[in-house]
Amino acid sequence: MQQIESDRMNHPVLDWKSGLGSRKTIVVGMSGGVDSSVTAWRLKQAGLEVIGMFMKNWEDDDDDAYCSTRQDFLDAAAAAEVIGIELQAVNFAAEYKDRVFADFLREYQAGRTPNPDVLCNAEIKFKAFLDHAIAQGAQCIATGHYAQLQHDAAGLVQLIRAADASKDQTYFLHRLNQSQLARTVFPIGDLQKSEVRAIAARIGLPNAAKRDSTGICFIGERPFREFLNRYLPSQPGPMKTPSGRTVGQHQGLAFYTLGQRKGLGLGGDRAGDGSPWYVVEKNLDSNTLVVDQGHDHPGLLSKTLHAIDASWIAESPPASAVRHAAKTRYRQLDAACQIQATANAFDLQFDQPQWAVTPGQSAVLYDGPVCLGGGIIAARST
């Protein structure tokens, strides 16, 4: 499929220090990873009074092999000692359960596939954490996200792609508003990941080679189905082809997502050519999981989508019938499209059909290097 390739022009290198202004005190969210540690070090080198803050967002079985908050805190403390800054700890577990996890469960129960990292940024890291930092006397916060900021001609803060195209995290930050961005700094957005690790090694950070965390922290590396089954009732049902032929049984629609290939438990193939099976639809009314063979099955290709709960960084939607680029999943290349937008919703029409556009996920809009905002995918059509 034809996509808009992300090139160096779409990932500029901006001076992050220009966003500091006259600020003197800054609170850095430190996770125990190398990115937030180098963030804190760069701010200390810039002459600011830096306070590190470790957020505890999950309390249920967080000390098991899957998601060890204790070890992450120890790593953050060791890095803070090398940098020469104070490290505090704050517990947002109650806020996380109310604002993020409850929505996570509702979405899965409704048959959609949510992205809790997007909501966590908007509700916890750049709301609860930001409010806490300001109450502590800080003028702004900083995080180790790969993103950049600049002001447009009207004085509005723009969210800009990171210099490292492979690490850009603006997709996960698209729900932030002007108030949040105006009090935020992203000190590693101008660096390549390799440069971040090189800095960490040069200054002797103990987490310089620490593996990046992946997935959702409260799930970690644990089997997802096992975790979700603890919170949602299992409702097995038929697994059918689009023609209605039953080929198996699913364990509950919440455990599957559009385009899923692994974990279906289907061996062999209908045509005898060895083609793998994919989830092409979830029918909640009949509790049926529709599957078929072939990566480019028509049921997995969408020419349009409708998104709701829109959030625009400039606080107003982009002009309708204007060509932009969109991502319907984090690792996707930019897809050329036209948008029809209102304050709360939008429709996208893609130049080329997009694979596995999934309800519940975020559709994020870009104008070159500028992230415009986005919304939650509610419906799609071929």
Protein backbone atom coordinates (compact mmCIF):
# COMPACT_ATOMS: atom_id res chain seq x y z
CA MET A 1 0.00 0.00 0.00
CA GLN A 2 1.16 3.50 -0.76
CA GLN A 3 2.08 5.40 2.40
CA ILE A 4 3.66 8.76 3.16
CA GLU A 5 7.23 7.91 4.17
CA SER A 6 8.49 9.66 7.31
CA ASP A 7 11.73 11.39 6.33
CA ARG A 8 14.14 13.79 7.99
CA MET A 9 12.01 16.77 6.97
CA ASN A 10 9.13 15.33 8.99
CA HIS A 11 11.39 14.82 12.00
CA PRO A 12 13.20 18.15 12.57
CA VAL A 13 15.73 18.84 15.32
CA LEU A 14 14.51 21.66 17.57
CA ASP A 15 16.17 23.47 20.48
CA TRP A 16 14.36 22.09 23.55
CA LYS A 17 15.98 24.67 25.84
CA SER A 18 14.00 27.45 24.18
CA GLY A 19 10.93 26.16 26.02
CA LEU A 20 12.49 26.68 29.43
CA GLY A 21 12.16 30.47 29.46
CA SER A 22 12.90 31.83 32.92
CA ARG A 23 11.89 28.67 34.73
CA LYS A 24 14.18 27.58 37.53
CA THR A 25 12.55 24.53 39.13
CA ILE A 26 11.38 21.52 37.19
CA VAL A 27 10.03 18.12 38.20
CA VAL A 28 11.06 15.15 36.06
CA GLY A 29 9.02 11.98 35.87
CA MET A 30 11.61 9.24 36.44
CA SER A 31 10.56 5.68 35.62
CA GLY A 32 13.87 3.95 36.23
CA GLY A 33 14.60 3.80 32.51
CA VAL A 34 17.42 5.38 30.57
CA ASP A 35 15.27 7.97 28.74
CA SER A 36 13.92 9.72 31.83
CA SER A 37 17.33 9.52 33.51
CA VAL A 38 19.09 11.29 30.63
CA THR A 39 16.21 13.79 30.62
CA ALA A 40 16.97 14.66 34.24
CA TRP A 41 20.69 14.91 33.55
CA ARG A 42 20.24 17.29 30.60
CA LEU A 43 18.05 19.57 32.71
CA LYS A 44 20.59 19.57 35.54
CA GLN A 45 23.29 20.47 33.02
CA ALA A 46 21.11 23.36 31.81
CA GLY A 47 21.30 24.88 35.30
CA LEU A 48 17.82 24.11 36.61
CA GLU A 49 16.85 22.90 40.04
CA VAL A 50 15.72 19.39 39.17
CA ILE A 51 13.51 17.18 41.32
CA GLY A 52 13.01 13.59 40.24
CA MET A 53 9.64 12.02 40.90
CA PHE A 54 8.78 8.34 40.62
CA MET A 55 5.12 7.57 39.92
CA LYS A 56 3.51 4.42 41.29
CA ASN A 57 0.44 3.84 39.15
CA TRP A 58 -0.40 0.20 39.83
CA GLU A 59 -0.60 -1.75 43.08
CA ASP A 60 -2.19 -5.10 42.24
CA ASP A 61 0.56 -7.78 42.18
CA ASP A 62 3.12 -5.23 41.00
CA ASP A 63 6.01 -6.99 42.72
CA ASP A 64 5.80 -10.22 40.79
CA ALA A 65 7.96 -11.26 37.86
CA TYR A 66 5.83 -9.38 35.34
CA CYS A 67 5.89 -5.77 36.56
CA SER A 68 8.27 -4.90 39.37
CA THR A 69 7.67 -1.37 40.58
CA ARG A 70 10.18 -1.86 43.39
CA GLN A 71 13.05 -2.60 40.99
CA ASP A 72 12.14 0.35 38.78
CA PHE A 73 12.19 2.64 41.82
CA LEU A 74 15.61 1.34 42.83
CA ASP A 75 16.89 1.98 39.29
CA ALA A 76 15.48 5.53 39.36
CA ALA A 77 17.07 6.15 42.77
CA ALA A 78 20.46 4.90 41.58
CA ALA A 79 20.28 7.18 38.51
CA ALA A 80 19.22 10.16 40.63
CA GLU A 81 22.22 9.65 42.90
CA VAL A 82 24.63 9.71 39.95
CA ILE A 83 22.97 12.83 38.52
CA GLY A 84 22.95 14.49 41.94
CA ILE A 85 19.23 15.23 42.33
CA GLU A 86 16.54 14.47 44.87
CA LEU A 87 14.10 11.66 44.09
CA GLN A 88 10.58 11.61 45.51
CA ALA A 89 7.86 8.99 45.14
CA VAL A 90 4.18 9.66 44.60
CA ASN A 91 1.30 7.18 44.43
CA PHE A 92 -1.31 7.69 41.72
CA ALA A 93 -2.70 4.14 41.85
CA ALA A 94 -6.19 5.29 42.88
CA GLU A 95 -6.33 7.89 40.10
CA TYR A 96 -5.05 5.34 37.59
CA LYS A 97 -7.75 2.83 38.47
CA ASP A 98 -10.51 5.44 38.27
CA ARG A 99 -9.35 7.35 35.17
CA VAL A 100 -7.52 4.73 33.08
CA PHE A 101 -8.08 1.14 34.14
CA ALA A 102 -11.87 1.46 34.53
CA ASP A 103 -12.08 2.81 30.97
CA PHE A 104 -9.74 0.03 29.81
CA LEU A 105 -12.12 -2.63 31.15
CA ARG A 106 -15.25 -0.91 29.77
CA GLU A 107 -13.77 -0.74 26.30
CA TYR A 108 -12.76 -4.40 26.24
CA GLN A 109 -16.16 -5.43 27.57
CA ALA A 110 -17.75 -3.47 24.72
CA GLY A 111 -15.69 -5.42 22.17
CA ARG A 112 -13.22 -2.66 21.40
CA THR A 113 -9.42 -2.60 21.79
CA PRO A 114 -8.37 0.45 23.82
CA ASN A 115 -4.96 2.04 24.13
CA PRO A 116 -4.53 2.83 27.85
CA ASP A 117 -1.14 4.49 27.29
CA VAL A 118 -2.88 7.36 25.47
CA LEU A 119 -5.30 7.88 28.35
CA CYS A 120 -2.55 7.48 30.95
CA ASN A 121 -0.61 10.37 29.41
CA ALA A 122 -3.64 12.66 29.31
CA GLU A 123 -5.04 11.76 32.76
CA ILE A 124 -2.06 10.74 34.89
CA LYS A 125 1.35 11.89 33.60
CA PHE A 126 0.17 15.27 32.30
CA LYS A 127 -2.73 15.88 34.68
CA ALA A 128 -2.41 14.24 38.12
CA PHE A 129 1.40 14.33 37.98
CA LEU A 130 1.52 17.85 36.53
CA ASP A 131 -0.88 19.18 39.16
CA HIS A 132 1.16 17.53 41.91
CA ALA A 133 4.41 19.02 40.58
CA ILE A 134 2.97 22.53 40.36
CA ALA A 135 1.66 22.19 43.92
CA GLN A 136 5.22 21.33 44.97
CA GLY A 137 6.45 24.66 43.60
CA ALA A 138 7.69 23.60 40.16
CA GLN A 139 7.10 25.81 37.14
CA CYS A 140 6.86 22.87 34.75
CA ILE A 141 7.47 19.16 34.29
CA ALA A 142 9.64 17.09 31.98
CA THR A 143 9.38 13.50 30.80
CA GLY A 144 11.51 11.16 28.75
CA HIS A 145 9.08 11.03 25.85
CA TYR A 146 10.45 11.24 22.32
CA ALA A 147 8.62 14.36 21.13
CA GLN A 148 9.32 18.06 20.59
CA LEU A 149 7.52 21.36 21.12
CA GLN A 150 7.48 24.73 19.39
CA HIS A 151 5.22 27.78 19.16
CA ASP A 152 3.38 28.72 15.98
CA ALA A 153 2.87 32.25 14.66
CA ALA A 154 -0.25 32.65 16.83
CA GLY A 155 1.65 31.65 19.98
CA LEU A 156 0.05 28.23 20.32
CA VAL A 157 2.20 25.31 21.42
CA GLN A 158 2.67 22.70 18.70
CA LEU A 159 3.47 19.05 19.32
CA ILE A 160 6.24 18.09 16.88
CA ARG A 161 7.56 14.67 15.91
CA ALA A 162 10.78 13.57 17.60
CA ALA A 163 14.07 13.68 15.71
CA ASP A 164 14.29 9.87 15.99
CA ALA A 165 11.56 8.65 13.63
CA SER A 166 11.70 5.11 15.03
CA LYS A 167 11.06 6.32 18.59
CA ASP A 168 8.63 9.20 18.03
CA GLN A 169 5.86 9.09 20.66
CA THR A 170 3.59 11.91 19.54
CA TYR A 171 0.97 9.24 18.74
CA PHE A 172 0.61 8.61 22.49
CA LEU A 173 0.62 12.33 23.36
CA HIS A 174 -2.01 13.55 20.92
CA ARG A 175 -4.67 14.18 23.61
CA LEU A 176 -2.60 16.79 25.46
CA ASN A 177 -4.00 20.32 25.50
CA GLN A 178 -2.43 23.77 25.39
CA SER A 179 -2.34 24.15 29.17
CA GLN A 180 -0.54 20.84 29.60
CA LEU A 181 1.96 21.40 26.78
CA ALA A 182 2.74 24.96 27.92
CA ARG A 183 4.06 23.54 31.20
CA THR A 184 5.99 20.62 29.70
CA VAL A 185 9.50 20.09 28.33
CA PHE A 186 10.75 17.10 26.32
CA PRO A 187 14.57 17.30 26.66
CA ILE A 188 15.47 14.20 24.61
CA GLY A 189 13.15 14.81 21.67
CA ASP A 190 16.07 16.17 19.62
CA LEU A 191 18.19 13.03 20.15
CA GLN A 192 18.45 9.63 18.54
CA LYS A 193 17.96 6.70 20.92
CA SER A 194 21.56 5.67 20.30
CA GLU A 195 22.68 9.14 21.44
CA VAL A 196 20.64 8.81 24.65
CA ARG A 197 22.29 5.50 25.50
CA ALA A 198 25.72 6.91 24.64
CA ILE A 199 25.18 9.84 27.02
CA ALA A 200 24.01 7.47 29.76
CA ALA A 201 27.09 5.30 29.36
CA ARG A 202 29.45 8.30 29.27
CA ILE A 203 28.16 9.80 32.52
CA GLY A 204 28.01 6.42 34.26
CA LEU A 205 24.27 5.91 34.67
CA PRO A 206 23.65 2.40 36.03
CA ASN A 207 20.65 1.91 33.74
CA ALA A 208 22.49 2.85 30.53
CA ALA A 209 21.90 -0.59 29.02
CA LYS A 210 18.53 -1.31 30.67
CA ARG A 211 16.02 -2.84 28.28
CA ASP A 212 13.16 -0.57 27.25
CA SER A 213 9.83 -1.44 28.82
CA THR A 214 7.14 -2.60 26.40
CA GLY A 215 3.40 -2.99 26.59
CA ILE A 216 1.17 -1.92 29.45
CA CYS A 217 2.87 -1.82 32.84
CA PHE A 218 0.04 -3.40 34.80
CA ILE A 219 0.12 -6.37 32.44
CA GLY A 220 3.85 -6.55 31.78
CA GLU A 221 4.92 -9.74 30.06
CA ARG A 222 2.16 -11.85 31.60
CA PRO A 223 -0.31 -13.73 29.34
CA PHE A 224 -2.89 -11.10 28.41
CA ARG A 225 -5.87 -13.48 28.35
CA GLU A 226 -5.05 -14.72 31.83
CA PHE A 227 -4.84 -11.18 33.15
CA LEU A 228 -8.06 -9.94 31.54
CA ASN A 229 -9.98 -13.00 32.68
CA ARG A 230 -9.43 -11.90 36.28
CA TYR A 231 -11.51 -8.77 35.68
CA LEU A 232 -13.97 -9.69 32.93
CA PRO A 233 -16.23 -12.76 32.73
CA SER A 234 -15.37 -15.24 30.01
CA GLN A 235 -18.12 -15.73 27.42
CA PRO A 236 -17.09 -18.43 24.90
CA GLY A 237 -18.85 -18.56 21.56
CA PRO A 238 -18.57 -19.75 17.97
CA MET A 239 -15.70 -18.92 15.65
CA LYS A 240 -17.07 -18.67 12.12
CA THR A 241 -15.99 -17.78 8.60
CA PRO A 242 -17.75 -14.88 6.78
CA SER A 243 -19.91 -17.48 5.02
CA GLY A 244 -21.15 -18.77 8.37
CA ARG A 245 -19.18 -22.01 8.62
CA THR A 246 -18.16 -22.81 12.20
CA VAL A 247 -14.44 -23.57 12.44
CA GLY A 248 -13.86 -23.39 16.18
CA GLN A 249 -14.76 -21.75 19.47
CA HIS A 250 -13.45 -18.53 20.93
CA GLN A 251 -12.85 -17.92 24.64
CA GLY A 252 -14.57 -14.52 24.79
CA LEU A 253 -14.62 -11.64 22.31
CA ALA A 254 -12.73 -9.38 24.71
CA PHE A 255 -9.64 -11.55 24.29
CA TYR A 256 -9.31 -10.93 20.54
CA THR A 257 -8.58 -7.96 18.32
CA LEU A 258 -9.01 -7.21 14.63
CA GLY A 259 -6.15 -8.60 12.56
CA GLN A 260 -5.06 -11.00 15.29
CA ARG A 261 -3.29 -14.08 13.96
CA LYS A 262 -1.79 -15.86 16.97
CA GLY A 263 -3.79 -17.60 19.66
CA LEU A 264 -6.78 -18.57 17.53
CA GLY A 265 -6.18 -22.31 17.92
CA LEU A 266 -7.00 -23.08 14.29
CA GLY A 267 -4.85 -25.58 12.46
CA GLY A 268 -4.87 -26.38 8.77
CA ASP A 269 -6.57 -24.20 6.20
CA ARG A 270 -9.71 -24.18 4.15
CA ALA A 271 -8.09 -24.01 0.70
CA GLY A 272 -5.19 -26.32 1.42
CA ASP A 273 -2.58 -23.64 0.75
CA GLY A 274 -1.43 -23.14 4.34
CA SER A 275 -2.78 -19.56 4.64
CA PRO A 276 -2.95 -18.33 8.24
CA TRP A 277 -6.24 -17.33 9.87
CA TYR A 278 -7.01 -13.77 11.00
CA VAL A 279 -9.74 -12.13 13.04
CA VAL A 280 -11.79 -10.03 10.61
CA GLU A 281 -14.81 -9.10 12.76
CA LYS A 282 -16.27 -9.31 16.26
CA ASN A 283 -20.08 -9.61 16.39
CA LEU A 284 -21.23 -8.74 19.90
CA ASP A 285 -24.93 -9.36 19.19
CA SER A 286 -24.34 -13.03 18.38
CA ASN A 287 -21.12 -13.37 20.40
CA THR A 288 -19.40 -14.58 17.22
CA LEU A 289 -15.77 -14.20 16.25
CA VAL A 290 -15.46 -13.99 12.45
CA VAL A 291 -12.19 -15.32 11.04
CA ASP A 292 -10.84 -15.93 7.57
CA GLN A 293 -7.59 -16.66 5.78
CA GLY A 294 -5.17 -14.25 4.15
CA HIS A 295 -3.38 -11.18 5.47
CA ASP A 296 -5.04 -8.92 2.89
CA HIS A 297 -8.53 -10.30 3.31
CA PRO A 298 -11.09 -7.63 2.23
CA GLY A 299 -12.59 -7.69 5.71
CA LEU A 300 -9.30 -6.37 7.10
CA LEU A 301 -9.00 -3.43 4.70
CA SER A 302 -10.73 -0.12 5.40
CA LYS A 303 -11.05 2.89 3.11
CA THR A 304 -12.76 5.14 5.67
CA LEU A 305 -13.16 5.49 9.42
CA HIS A 306 -15.25 7.48 11.86
CA ALA A 307 -13.62 8.69 15.10
CA ILE A 308 -15.25 10.13 18.21
CA ASP A 309 -14.07 11.83 21.41
CA ALA A 310 -11.76 14.00 19.34
CA SER A 311 -9.03 16.09 20.94
CA TRP A 312 -7.30 18.88 19.04
CA ILE A 313 -3.98 20.27 20.25
CA ALA A 314 -4.71 23.71 18.77
CA GLU A 315 -8.12 23.50 20.50
CA SER A 316 -9.98 23.62 17.19
CA PRO A 317 -10.33 21.01 14.42
CA PRO A 318 -8.32 21.20 11.20
CA ALA A 319 -10.09 22.49 8.11
CA SER A 320 -12.35 19.91 6.50
CA ALA A 321 -11.67 18.43 3.07
CA VAL A 322 -7.96 19.12 3.60
CA ARG A 323 -5.37 16.44 2.90
CA HIS A 324 -3.37 15.25 5.88
CA ALA A 325 -1.67 12.11 7.10
CA ALA A 326 -2.92 9.73 9.76
CA LYS A 327 -1.82 6.81 11.87
CA THR A 328 -4.34 4.26 13.10
CA ARG A 329 -1.70 2.39 15.11
CA TYR A 330 1.62 3.41 16.63
CA ARG A 331 4.05 1.64 14.31
CA GLN A 332 2.15 2.43 11.13
CA LEU A 333 3.66 4.64 8.44
CA ASP A 334 1.76 7.83 7.67
CA ALA A 335 -1.29 7.18 5.51
CA ALA A 336 -2.48 9.92 3.15
CA CYS A 337 -6.10 10.90 3.76
CA GLN A 338 -8.75 13.60 3.65
CA ILE A 339 -10.51 14.72 6.81
CA GLN A 340 -13.98 16.01 7.58
CA ALA A 341 -13.83 17.24 11.17
CA THR A 342 -15.91 18.84 13.89
CA ALA A 343 -14.90 19.74 17.43
CA ASN A 344 -15.81 16.29 18.76
CA ALA A 345 -15.54 13.85 15.86
CA PHE A 346 -14.08 13.34 12.40
CA ASP A 347 -14.20 11.12 9.32
CA LEU A 348 -11.15 10.04 7.36
CA GLN A 349 -11.02 8.83 3.78
CA PHE A 350 -7.73 7.16 2.90
CA ASP A 351 -6.05 7.25 -0.49
CA GLN A 352 -5.34 3.54 -0.07
CA PRO A 353 -7.21 1.02 2.13
CA GLN A 354 -5.66 0.59 5.56
CA TRP A 355 -5.09 -2.77 7.25
CA ALA A 356 -6.82 -3.74 10.52
CA VAL A 357 -8.30 -0.37 11.47
CA THR A 358 -9.43 -1.28 14.97
CA PRO A 359 -12.32 0.26 16.95
CA GLY A 360 -11.07 1.53 20.29
CA GLN A 361 -7.63 2.43 19.00
CA SER A 362 -6.60 6.02 18.28
CA ALA A 363 -6.55 7.67 14.87
CA VAL A 364 -3.96 10.46 15.03
CA LEU A 365 -3.64 13.28 12.49
CA TYR A 366 -0.47 15.00 11.24
CA ASP A 367 0.39 17.98 9.10
CA GLY A 368 4.00 17.21 8.20
CA PRO A 369 5.94 17.15 11.49
CA VAL A 370 3.04 18.67 13.48
CA CYS A 371 0.71 16.39 15.43
CA LEU A 372 -2.77 17.90 15.19
CA GLY A 373 -4.62 15.61 17.59
CA GLY A 374 -6.90 12.66 17.07
CA GLY A 375 -9.80 10.59 18.32
CA ILE A 376 -11.04 7.11 19.15
CA ILE A 377 -11.94 4.91 16.19
CA ALA A 378 -15.64 4.08 16.46
CA ALA A 379 -16.40 2.59 13.05
CA ARG A 380 -14.74 1.67 9.78
CA SER A 381 -15.84 0.73 6.26
CA THR A 382 -14.24 -0.97 3.29
